[in-house]
């Protein structure tokens, strides 16, 4: 069997894997055993799965693999013990995942695409362009790598907030959620998974119909089309008022609150008027707001507001009854915001005479 036909087990739901084992002449129950080793014990090599006979291990390895990409770089924060992983996929594509131990939670932030189409001004993810979607298995591999960093070998929460727009890779996103939710894999509750979107209205509407109790986070970053449009090109296609209408419909349909992410950028969207506009826009909604002081990147010459300005912004929202938290980016000392480590790596390659994007296969 050629490499092109070998099946990545991480791309399969438990039911799919059982069927594919059966189709390869392997008893279906062996699929459950293999999944137990991968998801239950963190063992990714068939040779180490001790309850499988030697001849069966050989047969499985002829048709299947556990697609764990290489970790090319790992940086641990001295501030909060977050660890950023830079992973090399097929064709030398690079993506990032961040492991974040926070009190009783062990969270991983995962990427859903190589690059991003949406070019938010403050975000490093899309600065080098979009290249491709990740498969469900490539997303899950990030989670397993992060789990291997956990002293307890566990992940309690997954956030789809890394490189890429999750709703732009909708099919793989849903498959990933359903795989993780299965009791035969990690058995991760849907409410422990958060999907972040830049505000793709049709996908918000579609997600509301899926019956999945995952958390939804919407990147807002501006309460008017003028302000949001300055930093989020997607606002041209999906302006503020229709986006808020879609969010209200989502809340009504699912009974779930929405989190609005709002990066505070001094001189752009962080003044008293901006706070008042945001409070007016969200008043009465079942939602909360995460205020995030900007994490600077070289491509966007702006800064975060002062601590006092941030507190004042928060107070405006709170006086209107809007639940508001201030979230400082984890792992600032290791460039843990979206796409920063990958961006630095690619720029380093460019300095060595390799153009950004040239390290990928020319067939794409």
Protein backbone atom coordinates (compact mmCIF):
# COMPACT_ATOMS: atom_id res chain seq x y z
CA UNK A 1 0.00 0.00 0.00
CA UNK A 2 1.41 3.41 -0.92
CA UNK A 3 1.89 6.25 1.53
CA UNK A 4 -0.93 8.17 -0.13
CA UNK A 5 -3.48 5.55 0.96
CA UNK A 6 -2.32 5.15 4.56
CA UNK A 7 -5.04 6.34 6.94
CA UNK A 8 -4.31 8.76 9.77
CA UNK A 9 -6.15 7.38 12.79
CA UNK A 10 -6.46 10.88 14.27
CA UNK A 11 -8.66 11.85 11.31
CA UNK A 12 -11.22 9.17 12.16
CA UNK A 13 -14.21 9.10 14.45
CA UNK A 14 -14.38 5.88 16.49
CA UNK A 15 -17.15 4.53 14.24
CA UNK A 16 -15.18 5.39 11.10
CA UNK A 17 -12.08 3.67 12.46
CA UNK A 18 -13.99 0.51 13.34
CA UNK A 19 -15.36 0.34 9.79
CA UNK A 20 -11.94 0.94 8.26
CA UNK A 21 -10.35 -1.70 10.46
CA UNK A 22 -13.04 -4.14 9.36
CA UNK A 23 -12.48 -3.17 5.73
CA UNK A 24 -8.79 -3.98 6.17
CA UNK A 25 -9.51 -7.41 7.60
CA UNK A 26 -8.93 -6.37 11.23
CA UNK A 27 -11.47 -7.06 13.96
CA UNK A 28 -13.46 -3.91 14.69
CA UNK A 29 -12.89 -4.12 18.45
CA UNK A 30 -9.18 -3.66 17.84
CA UNK A 31 -9.96 -0.08 16.84
CA UNK A 32 -11.22 0.60 20.34
CA UNK A 33 -8.03 -0.87 21.79
CA UNK A 34 -5.86 1.35 19.59
CA UNK A 35 -7.90 4.43 20.49
CA UNK A 36 -7.47 3.54 24.16
CA UNK A 37 -3.70 3.62 23.77
CA UNK A 38 -3.68 6.88 21.82
CA UNK A 39 -6.22 8.90 23.76
CA UNK A 40 -6.14 7.12 27.10
CA UNK A 41 -2.41 6.53 27.55
CA UNK A 42 -0.68 8.86 25.11
CA UNK A 43 0.98 6.03 23.19
CA UNK A 44 1.30 6.75 19.48
CA UNK A 45 3.49 3.86 18.26
CA UNK A 46 1.82 0.54 17.48
CA UNK A 47 4.90 -1.36 18.70
CA UNK A 48 4.24 -0.08 22.23
CA UNK A 49 0.61 -1.26 22.33
CA UNK A 50 1.24 -4.34 24.40
CA UNK A 51 -2.19 -5.99 24.11
CA UNK A 52 -1.89 -6.25 20.32
CA UNK A 53 -0.24 -9.35 18.81
CA UNK A 54 2.95 -8.76 16.82
CA UNK A 55 1.44 -9.84 13.51
CA UNK A 56 -1.54 -7.53 14.10
CA UNK A 57 0.72 -4.57 14.83
CA UNK A 58 2.45 -5.18 11.51
CA UNK A 59 -0.86 -5.43 9.68
CA UNK A 60 -2.18 -2.22 11.23
CA UNK A 61 1.03 -0.34 10.40
CA UNK A 62 0.67 -1.28 6.73
CA UNK A 63 -2.61 0.64 6.42
CA UNK A 64 -2.72 3.08 9.33
CA UNK A 65 -0.59 5.61 11.17
CA UNK A 66 -0.90 8.01 14.09
CA UNK A 67 -0.10 11.36 12.49
CA UNK A 68 1.83 13.22 15.17
CA UNK A 69 3.79 16.11 13.59
CA UNK A 70 7.25 17.01 14.78
CA UNK A 71 7.67 19.74 17.39
CA UNK A 72 10.29 22.02 15.86
CA UNK A 73 10.31 24.56 18.66
CA UNK A 74 8.91 24.83 22.20
CA UNK A 75 9.05 27.98 24.29
CA UNK A 76 7.95 28.08 27.92
CA UNK A 77 6.84 31.31 29.50
CA UNK A 78 8.55 32.40 32.70
CA UNK A 79 5.47 34.46 33.52
CA UNK A 80 2.67 31.90 33.61
CA UNK A 81 4.14 28.53 32.56
CA UNK A 82 2.36 28.56 29.21
CA UNK A 83 4.21 26.68 26.49
CA UNK A 84 4.04 27.53 22.81
CA UNK A 85 4.67 24.71 20.35
CA UNK A 86 5.66 25.20 16.74
CA UNK A 87 4.67 22.09 14.78
CA UNK A 88 5.82 21.02 11.34
CA UNK A 89 3.13 19.34 9.24
CA UNK A 90 3.31 17.79 5.80
CA UNK A 91 4.99 19.93 3.12
CA UNK A 92 6.83 21.66 5.98
CA UNK A 93 3.73 23.71 6.87
CA UNK A 94 4.04 25.37 10.27
CA UNK A 95 1.29 25.86 12.85
CA UNK A 96 1.20 26.76 16.51
CA UNK A 97 -0.48 25.45 19.64
CA UNK A 98 -0.27 26.90 23.14
CA UNK A 99 -0.58 24.86 26.34
CA UNK A 100 -1.91 26.99 29.20
CA UNK A 101 -2.15 25.60 32.74
CA UNK A 102 -4.45 28.00 34.60
CA UNK A 103 -5.33 27.03 38.18
CA UNK A 104 -7.48 23.91 37.90
CA UNK A 105 -7.70 24.09 34.10
CA UNK A 106 -5.28 22.76 31.54
CA UNK A 107 -6.17 24.48 28.30
CA UNK A 108 -4.77 24.21 24.79
CA UNK A 109 -5.26 26.85 22.11
CA UNK A 110 -5.13 25.22 18.67
CA UNK A 111 -4.76 26.37 15.08
CA UNK A 112 -7.30 25.41 12.42
CA UNK A 113 -5.53 26.63 9.27
CA UNK A 114 -2.06 27.28 7.90
CA UNK A 115 -2.20 31.06 7.67
CA UNK A 116 -5.44 33.01 7.52
CA UNK A 117 -7.53 34.79 4.86
CA UNK A 118 -8.96 37.52 7.01
CA UNK A 119 -5.97 39.81 7.70
CA UNK A 120 -7.03 41.43 10.97
CA UNK A 121 -4.56 44.28 11.41
CA UNK A 122 -3.50 43.38 14.95
CA UNK A 123 -3.02 39.65 14.33
CA UNK A 124 0.18 37.96 13.15
CA UNK A 125 -1.69 34.89 11.84
CA UNK A 126 -2.73 36.32 8.48
CA UNK A 127 0.25 38.54 7.74
CA UNK A 128 1.92 35.88 5.58
CA UNK A 129 -1.29 34.86 3.78
CA UNK A 130 -3.46 31.75 3.69
CA UNK A 131 -2.19 28.37 2.52
CA UNK A 132 -4.59 25.58 3.47
CA UNK A 133 -7.05 24.12 5.96
CA UNK A 134 -5.93 21.64 8.56
CA UNK A 135 -7.49 18.20 8.81
CA UNK A 136 -9.25 17.10 11.98
CA UNK A 137 -6.27 14.87 12.71
CA UNK A 138 -3.83 17.76 12.43
CA UNK A 139 -5.90 19.75 14.90
CA UNK A 140 -6.19 16.84 17.31
CA UNK A 141 -2.44 16.21 17.13
CA UNK A 142 -1.90 19.69 18.57
CA UNK A 143 -4.09 18.77 21.53
CA UNK A 144 -2.24 15.51 22.13
CA UNK A 145 1.14 17.25 22.00
CA UNK A 146 -0.12 19.78 24.54
CA UNK A 147 -1.46 17.01 26.77
CA UNK A 148 1.96 15.42 26.79
CA UNK A 149 3.23 18.58 28.52
CA UNK A 150 0.71 18.27 31.33
CA UNK A 151 2.04 16.75 34.56
CA UNK A 152 -1.33 15.04 34.97
CA UNK A 153 -1.44 14.06 31.26
CA UNK A 154 -4.79 15.75 30.77
CA UNK A 155 -6.45 18.56 28.87
CA UNK A 156 -9.58 20.06 30.39
CA UNK A 157 -10.37 22.76 27.82
CA UNK A 158 -9.78 23.36 24.11
CA UNK A 159 -10.04 26.76 22.44
CA UNK A 160 -10.04 27.11 18.67
CA UNK A 161 -8.34 30.50 18.72
CA UNK A 162 -4.93 29.88 17.16
CA UNK A 163 -3.84 30.45 13.58
CA UNK A 164 -6.73 30.61 11.12
CA UNK A 165 -10.49 31.13 11.18
CA UNK A 166 -12.19 27.97 12.53
CA UNK A 167 -15.49 28.62 10.73
CA UNK A 168 -13.59 28.87 7.44
CA UNK A 169 -12.63 25.23 8.04
CA UNK A 170 -16.10 24.25 9.18
CA UNK A 171 -16.21 20.56 8.28
CA UNK A 172 -12.91 19.72 9.98
CA UNK A 173 -13.86 21.86 12.99
CA UNK A 174 -17.09 19.96 13.58
CA UNK A 175 -15.40 16.62 13.08
CA UNK A 176 -12.72 17.57 15.59
CA UNK A 177 -15.32 18.56 18.19
CA UNK A 178 -17.21 15.31 17.71
CA UNK A 179 -14.06 13.19 17.93
CA UNK A 180 -12.94 14.92 21.12
CA UNK A 181 -16.41 14.58 22.60
CA UNK A 182 -16.51 10.79 22.14
CA UNK A 183 -16.08 8.68 25.30
CA UNK A 184 -13.72 6.49 23.25
CA UNK A 185 -11.28 9.38 22.79
CA UNK A 186 -10.82 12.22 25.30
CA UNK A 187 -14.49 12.38 26.31
CA UNK A 188 -14.21 16.16 26.45
CA UNK A 189 -17.49 17.91 27.17
CA UNK A 190 -18.65 20.25 24.40
CA UNK A 191 -18.97 23.09 26.90
CA UNK A 192 -15.24 22.77 27.54
CA UNK A 193 -14.54 23.65 23.92
CA UNK A 194 -14.66 27.23 22.63
CA UNK A 195 -14.86 28.23 18.98
CA UNK A 196 -13.64 31.71 18.12
CA UNK A 197 -14.76 33.43 14.92
CA UNK A 198 -14.04 36.78 13.30
CA UNK A 199 -17.78 37.00 12.63
CA UNK A 200 -18.74 34.90 9.60
CA UNK A 201 -22.49 35.28 9.84
CA UNK A 202 -23.63 32.28 7.73
CA UNK A 203 -21.45 29.94 9.80
CA UNK A 204 -22.72 31.39 13.08
CA UNK A 205 -26.23 30.65 11.84
CA UNK A 206 -25.25 27.16 10.75
CA UNK A 207 -23.47 26.41 14.01
CA UNK A 208 -26.61 27.33 15.92
CA UNK A 209 -28.41 24.45 14.17
CA UNK A 210 -25.80 21.78 15.00
CA UNK A 211 -27.03 21.02 18.51
CA UNK A 212 -23.48 21.28 19.85
CA UNK A 213 -23.13 22.94 23.24
CA UNK A 214 -19.67 24.36 22.55
CA UNK A 215 -18.93 27.90 23.63
CA UNK A 216 -18.92 30.59 20.94
CA UNK A 217 -16.56 33.54 21.00
CA UNK A 218 -16.91 36.38 18.48
CA UNK A 219 -14.10 38.80 17.70
CA UNK A 220 -15.75 42.20 17.73
CA UNK A 221 -12.99 44.77 18.41
CA UNK A 222 -15.15 47.70 17.38
CA UNK A 223 -18.72 48.80 18.07
CA UNK A 224 -19.22 50.72 14.81
CA UNK A 225 -18.49 49.86 11.21
CA UNK A 226 -16.04 52.75 11.02
CA UNK A 227 -13.92 51.51 13.93
CA UNK A 228 -14.24 47.78 13.30
CA UNK A 229 -13.60 48.26 9.60
CA UNK A 230 -10.28 49.97 10.33
CA UNK A 231 -8.82 46.81 11.82
CA UNK A 232 -10.99 43.94 10.54
CA UNK A 233 -11.45 43.72 6.74
CA UNK A 234 -14.11 41.05 7.29
CA UNK A 235 -16.41 43.84 8.48
CA UNK A 236 -16.98 44.81 4.84
CA UNK A 237 -18.72 41.48 4.23
CA UNK A 238 -20.26 41.12 7.69
CA UNK A 239 -20.92 44.54 9.26
CA UNK A 240 -21.58 45.16 12.91
CA UNK A 241 -25.39 45.38 12.98
CA UNK A 242 -26.07 42.19 10.95
CA UNK A 243 -23.41 40.43 13.04
CA UNK A 244 -25.10 41.40 16.30
CA UNK A 245 -28.47 40.34 14.88
CA UNK A 246 -27.00 36.92 14.05
CA UNK A 247 -25.51 36.68 17.54
CA UNK A 248 -28.85 37.48 19.16
CA UNK A 249 -30.50 34.78 17.05
CA UNK A 250 -27.77 32.34 18.08
CA UNK A 251 -28.37 33.09 21.76
CA UNK A 252 -32.13 32.62 21.34
CA UNK A 253 -31.71 29.35 19.42
CA UNK A 254 -29.11 27.73 21.66
CA UNK A 255 -29.79 29.28 25.04
CA UNK A 256 -26.03 29.89 25.29
CA UNK A 257 -24.29 33.15 26.07
CA UNK A 258 -21.76 34.53 23.60
CA UNK A 259 -18.38 35.93 24.52
CA UNK A 260 -17.25 38.99 22.59
CA UNK A 261 -13.50 39.41 22.29
CA UNK A 262 -12.39 43.03 22.21
CA UNK A 263 -8.72 43.88 21.77
CA UNK A 264 -8.00 47.31 23.17
CA UNK A 265 -5.84 49.42 20.85
CA UNK A 266 -4.85 52.85 22.08
CA UNK A 267 -6.04 55.63 19.79
CA UNK A 268 -8.20 53.26 17.74
CA UNK A 269 -10.95 51.63 19.80
CA UNK A 270 -10.10 52.10 23.48
CA UNK A 271 -11.43 55.56 24.31
CA UNK A 272 -14.46 56.60 26.42
CA UNK A 273 -16.64 57.04 23.33
CA UNK A 274 -15.70 53.55 22.13
CA UNK A 275 -16.67 52.13 25.50
CA UNK A 276 -20.00 53.94 25.37
CA UNK A 277 -20.70 52.71 21.83
CA UNK A 278 -19.92 49.14 22.86
CA UNK A 279 -22.14 49.34 25.93
CA UNK A 280 -25.01 50.64 23.80
CA UNK A 281 -24.51 47.92 21.18
CA UNK A 282 -24.50 45.01 23.66
CA UNK A 283 -26.96 46.29 26.27
CA UNK A 284 -29.50 43.62 27.16
CA UNK A 285 -27.71 40.75 25.41
CA UNK A 286 -26.87 37.48 27.18
CA UNK A 287 -23.16 37.87 26.72
CA UNK A 288 -19.87 38.75 28.29
CA UNK A 289 -16.96 40.81 27.01
CA UNK A 290 -13.29 39.87 27.22
CA UNK A 291 -11.18 42.99 27.06
CA UNK A 292 -7.68 42.19 25.85
CA UNK A 293 -4.97 44.86 25.93
CA UNK A 294 -3.18 44.63 22.62
CA UNK A 295 -0.13 42.39 22.30
CA UNK A 296 2.11 44.35 19.93
CA UNK A 297 3.37 42.91 16.65
CA UNK A 298 5.89 44.58 14.31
CA UNK A 299 3.39 44.73 11.43
CA UNK A 300 0.94 46.93 13.38
CA UNK A 301 2.46 50.03 14.92
CA UNK A 302 0.06 50.55 17.80
CA UNK A 303 0.07 49.95 21.54
CA UNK A 304 -2.24 48.93 24.35
CA UNK A 305 -3.96 51.54 26.51
CA UNK A 306 -2.66 52.14 30.01
CA UNK A 307 -3.89 50.05 32.91
CA UNK A 308 -6.05 52.93 34.14
CA UNK A 309 -7.57 53.46 30.68
CA UNK A 310 -8.35 49.73 30.51
CA UNK A 311 -10.08 49.82 33.91
CA UNK A 312 -12.11 52.87 32.91
CA UNK A 313 -13.24 51.13 29.71
CA UNK A 314 -14.30 48.10 31.74
CA UNK A 315 -16.23 50.22 34.21
CA UNK A 316 -18.31 51.81 31.45
CA UNK A 317 -19.50 48.36 30.39
CA UNK A 318 -20.08 47.13 33.91
CA UNK A 319 -22.23 50.12 34.80
CA UNK A 320 -24.54 49.02 31.96
CA UNK A 321 -24.80 45.51 33.41
CA UNK A 322 -22.49 43.88 30.86
CA UNK A 323 -20.32 41.16 32.34
CA UNK A 324 -16.77 42.15 31.53
CA UNK A 325 -13.34 40.69 32.25
CA UNK A 326 -9.86 41.89 31.35
CA UNK A 327 -7.67 39.16 29.90
CA UNK A 328 -3.99 39.71 29.43
CA UNK A 329 -2.45 37.50 26.73
CA UNK A 330 -0.82 34.40 28.12
CA UNK A 331 2.86 33.87 27.51
CA UNK A 332 3.70 37.40 26.39
CA UNK A 333 7.40 36.67 26.87
CA UNK A 334 7.21 33.75 24.41
CA UNK A 335 5.13 35.51 21.75
CA UNK A 336 2.12 33.35 22.53
CA UNK A 337 -0.42 35.48 20.69
CA UNK A 338 -1.77 34.04 17.44
CA UNK A 339 0.84 33.34 14.80
CA UNK A 340 3.75 35.20 16.36
CA UNK A 341 6.17 32.31 16.74
CA UNK A 342 5.38 31.01 13.25
CA UNK A 343 5.79 34.51 11.84
CA UNK A 344 9.20 34.89 13.46
CA UNK A 345 10.26 31.48 12.12
CA UNK A 346 9.22 32.35 8.56
CA UNK A 347 10.91 35.73 8.71
CA UNK A 348 14.08 33.97 9.86
CA UNK A 349 13.87 31.73 6.80
CA UNK A 350 13.35 34.76 4.59
CA UNK A 351 16.49 36.37 5.97
CA UNK A 352 18.38 33.22 5.01
CA UNK A 353 17.31 33.66 1.39
CA UNK A 354 14.08 31.68 1.52
CA UNK A 355 11.01 33.72 0.57
CA UNK A 356 8.07 33.46 2.91
CA UNK A 357 5.81 30.72 1.57
CA UNK A 358 8.55 29.20 -0.58
CA UNK A 359 9.20 26.43 1.93
CA UNK A 360 5.86 24.89 0.97
CA UNK A 361 5.14 22.52 -1.84
CA UNK A 362 4.76 24.27 -5.18
CA UNK A 363 1.82 21.99 -5.99
CA UNK A 364 -0.55 24.05 -3.81
